[in-house]
Amino acid sequence: MNKYWQGFVFVSAVLLSLFVALPAAQAHGGGAISVQPAVAAAGSEIQLTGSELEAGSELVITLSGLSYQAELGTVTVSSEESFQETFKLPADTKPGVYQIQATSEDGDTYTTEITVEAAGASTDESVHAAEPSAEPMQLDRSRSGLEWGVILAALVISGGVGLALIR
């Protein structure tokens, strides 16, 4: 195989991978959620706000920590691409730093952090993190069809370029 053909294959593979991967990377920009107050006691109410989200989509709201996960409820995004909803933290939530996740039906996840204090604690007191444990952390590692398609395309292109360079 001559050097011009190898160069053509390499440049084509790079352009194709950018063409496939770039729209997928840009599709997940914009949306955000926030929580008030940022420090709350277990069992208290929090206000969750979302903006720049897909109108009409339903989001499942969860509270996740190292060894704790609870579903707080669901919310539907308004036609203005936002929502504002009040949720109650579970009373059995141990003090520590947690993530609040809003996950859409198609797998998009928006995240913010909240510090949970013991029930009845004042928000002015110092927060003590939960004790470390040997229990494995459960991570959601599911992938959407688009992500698997991008991964597969990158593997095929890499394999093709590798074969072309070997010859």
Protein backbone atom coordinates (compact mmCIF):
# COMPACT_ATOMS: atom_id res chain seq x y z
CA MET A 1 0.00 0.00 0.00
CA ASN A 2 1.52 3.34 -0.96
CA LYS A 3 2.02 6.22 1.43
CA TYR A 4 -0.64 8.41 -0.20
CA TRP A 5 -3.29 5.78 0.35
CA GLN A 6 -2.21 5.32 3.98
CA GLY A 7 -2.41 9.07 4.54
CA PHE A 8 -5.85 9.21 2.94
CA VAL A 9 -7.12 6.37 5.15
CA PHE A 10 -5.71 8.00 8.29
CA VAL A 11 -7.17 11.46 7.55
CA SER A 12 -10.53 9.92 6.60
CA ALA A 13 -10.63 7.93 9.83
CA VAL A 14 -9.87 11.01 11.94
CA LEU A 15 -12.51 13.11 10.16
CA LEU A 16 -15.09 10.35 10.42
CA SER A 17 -14.45 9.88 14.14
CA LEU A 18 -14.86 13.63 14.71
CA PHE A 19 -18.02 13.68 12.63
CA VAL A 20 -19.52 10.85 14.72
CA ALA A 21 -18.28 11.87 18.20
CA LEU A 22 -18.70 15.67 18.09
CA PRO A 23 -22.52 15.79 17.78
CA ALA A 24 -22.83 13.28 20.63
CA ALA A 25 -20.63 15.45 22.86
CA GLN A 26 -22.57 18.63 22.02
CA ALA A 27 -25.98 17.04 22.60
CA HIS A 28 -25.53 16.94 26.38
CA GLY A 29 -24.77 20.58 27.11
CA GLY A 30 -26.80 23.21 28.86
CA GLY A 31 -29.06 21.64 31.47
CA ALA A 32 -28.41 22.10 35.18
CA ILE A 33 -30.04 21.55 38.55
CA SER A 34 -29.46 23.30 41.88
CA VAL A 35 -30.66 22.79 45.44
CA GLN A 36 -31.56 25.19 48.25
CA PRO A 37 -30.43 25.06 50.96
CA ALA A 38 -27.06 23.50 50.19
CA VAL A 39 -26.87 22.22 53.79
CA ALA A 40 -30.02 20.60 55.22
CA ALA A 41 -31.00 18.31 58.08
CA ALA A 42 -32.28 14.78 57.47
CA GLY A 43 -36.08 14.85 57.24
CA SER A 44 -36.20 18.50 56.15
CA GLU A 45 -37.55 19.96 52.91
CA ILE A 46 -35.32 21.10 50.08
CA GLN A 47 -36.10 23.08 46.94
CA LEU A 48 -34.75 21.65 43.68
CA THR A 49 -34.59 23.87 40.60
CA GLY A 50 -33.74 22.84 37.04
CA SER A 51 -33.08 24.99 33.97
CA GLU A 52 -32.32 24.57 30.27
CA LEU A 53 -33.82 21.07 30.24
CA GLU A 54 -35.91 19.32 27.57
CA ALA A 55 -39.50 20.57 27.83
CA GLY A 56 -42.02 17.88 28.78
CA SER A 57 -39.43 15.34 29.93
CA GLU A 58 -39.97 13.48 33.17
CA LEU A 59 -37.04 13.33 35.59
CA VAL A 60 -36.54 10.85 38.42
CA ILE A 61 -34.93 12.57 41.42
CA THR A 62 -32.59 10.48 43.59
CA LEU A 63 -30.34 11.14 46.58
CA SER A 64 -27.10 9.13 46.36
CA GLY A 65 -24.23 8.67 48.79
CA LEU A 66 -21.43 6.15 49.28
CA SER A 67 -23.67 3.48 50.77
CA TYR A 68 -27.11 5.09 50.51
CA GLN A 69 -29.58 5.77 47.72
CA ALA A 70 -33.18 6.95 47.92
CA GLU A 71 -35.67 8.07 45.30
CA LEU A 72 -37.11 11.45 46.27
CA GLY A 73 -39.76 11.58 43.54
CA THR A 74 -40.34 12.67 39.96
CA VAL A 75 -40.79 16.01 38.26
CA THR A 76 -41.94 17.06 34.78
CA VAL A 77 -40.06 19.85 33.00
CA SER A 78 -42.31 22.78 32.00
CA SER A 79 -42.65 24.27 28.53
CA GLU A 80 -40.17 26.96 29.68
CA GLU A 81 -37.56 24.15 29.96
CA SER A 82 -37.35 24.45 33.76
CA PHE A 83 -38.83 23.14 36.98
CA GLN A 84 -38.97 24.08 40.65
CA GLU A 85 -40.12 21.44 43.12
CA THR A 86 -39.94 20.81 46.87
CA PHE A 87 -38.78 17.40 48.13
CA LYS A 88 -38.35 15.96 51.61
CA LEU A 89 -35.05 14.34 52.57
CA PRO A 90 -35.56 10.90 54.13
CA ALA A 91 -35.34 11.00 57.93
CA ASP A 92 -32.94 8.03 57.96
CA THR A 93 -30.31 9.84 55.85
CA LYS A 94 -26.98 9.83 57.70
CA PRO A 95 -24.90 13.03 57.87
CA GLY A 96 -22.53 13.54 54.94
CA VAL A 97 -22.19 14.85 51.40
CA TYR A 98 -24.64 13.45 48.85
CA GLN A 99 -25.43 13.88 45.18
CA ILE A 100 -28.90 14.75 44.02
CA GLN A 101 -29.42 13.33 40.53
CA ALA A 102 -32.19 14.10 38.07
CA THR A 103 -32.29 11.35 35.42
CA SER A 104 -34.42 11.59 32.28
CA GLU A 105 -36.11 8.70 30.48
CA ASP A 106 -33.37 8.68 27.81
CA GLY A 107 -30.57 8.50 30.39
CA ASP A 108 -29.43 12.14 30.62
CA THR A 109 -28.35 12.84 34.20
CA TYR A 110 -28.01 16.22 35.91
CA THR A 111 -26.25 16.38 39.27
CA THR A 112 -25.79 18.74 42.21
CA GLU A 113 -24.45 18.24 45.73
CA ILE A 114 -26.07 18.65 49.12
CA THR A 115 -24.65 18.28 52.62
CA VAL A 116 -26.99 16.46 55.00
CA GLU A 117 -26.78 17.01 58.75
CA ALA A 118 -28.26 14.91 61.51
CA ALA A 119 -31.99 15.46 62.08
CA GLY A 120 -32.56 18.40 64.40
CA ALA A 121 -29.06 19.82 63.82
CA SER A 122 -28.62 23.49 63.13
CA THR A 123 -27.23 24.38 59.71
CA ASP A 124 -24.63 26.55 61.47
CA GLU A 125 -22.93 23.57 63.12
CA SER A 126 -20.02 21.79 61.49
CA VAL A 127 -20.88 18.80 59.32
CA HIS A 128 -19.31 15.42 59.97
CA ALA A 129 -18.88 13.08 57.02
CA ALA A 130 -20.26 9.55 57.18
CA GLU A 131 -17.84 6.92 58.43
CA PRO A 132 -15.95 5.08 55.68
CA SER A 133 -16.89 1.44 55.14
CA ALA A 134 -15.64 -1.56 53.18
CA GLU A 135 -18.99 -1.86 51.41
CA PRO A 136 -18.60 -1.44 47.62
CA MET A 137 -20.11 1.67 46.08
CA GLN A 138 -22.87 1.06 43.54
CA LEU A 139 -22.31 3.08 40.36
CA ASP A 140 -24.72 3.38 37.46
CA ARG A 141 -22.65 2.40 34.44
CA SER A 142 -25.42 1.99 31.92
CA ARG A 143 -24.85 3.42 28.44
CA SER A 144 -27.35 4.72 25.91
CA GLY A 145 -27.55 3.32 22.40
CA LEU A 146 -25.87 6.46 21.02
CA GLU A 147 -22.91 6.05 23.37
CA TRP A 148 -22.49 2.40 22.39
CA GLY A 149 -22.71 3.42 18.71
CA VAL A 150 -19.92 5.99 19.14
CA ILE A 151 -17.78 3.45 21.02
CA LEU A 152 -18.34 0.81 18.33
CA ALA A 153 -17.60 3.29 15.52
CA ALA A 154 -14.36 4.35 17.22
CA LEU A 155 -13.30 0.71 17.62
CA VAL A 156 -14.05 -0.10 13.98
CA ILE A 157 -12.20 2.97 12.75
CA SER A 158 -9.23 2.24 15.02
CA GLY A 159 -9.11 -1.35 13.82
CA GLY A 160 -9.29 -0.26 10.18
CA VAL A 161 -6.51 2.28 10.60
CA GLY A 162 -4.40 -0.29 12.44
CA LEU A 163 -4.83 -2.85 9.66
CA ALA A 164 -4.07 -0.23 7.01
CA LEU A 165 -0.85 0.77 8.79
CA ILE A 166 0.30 -2.84 9.19
CA ARG A 167 0.06 -3.55 5.47
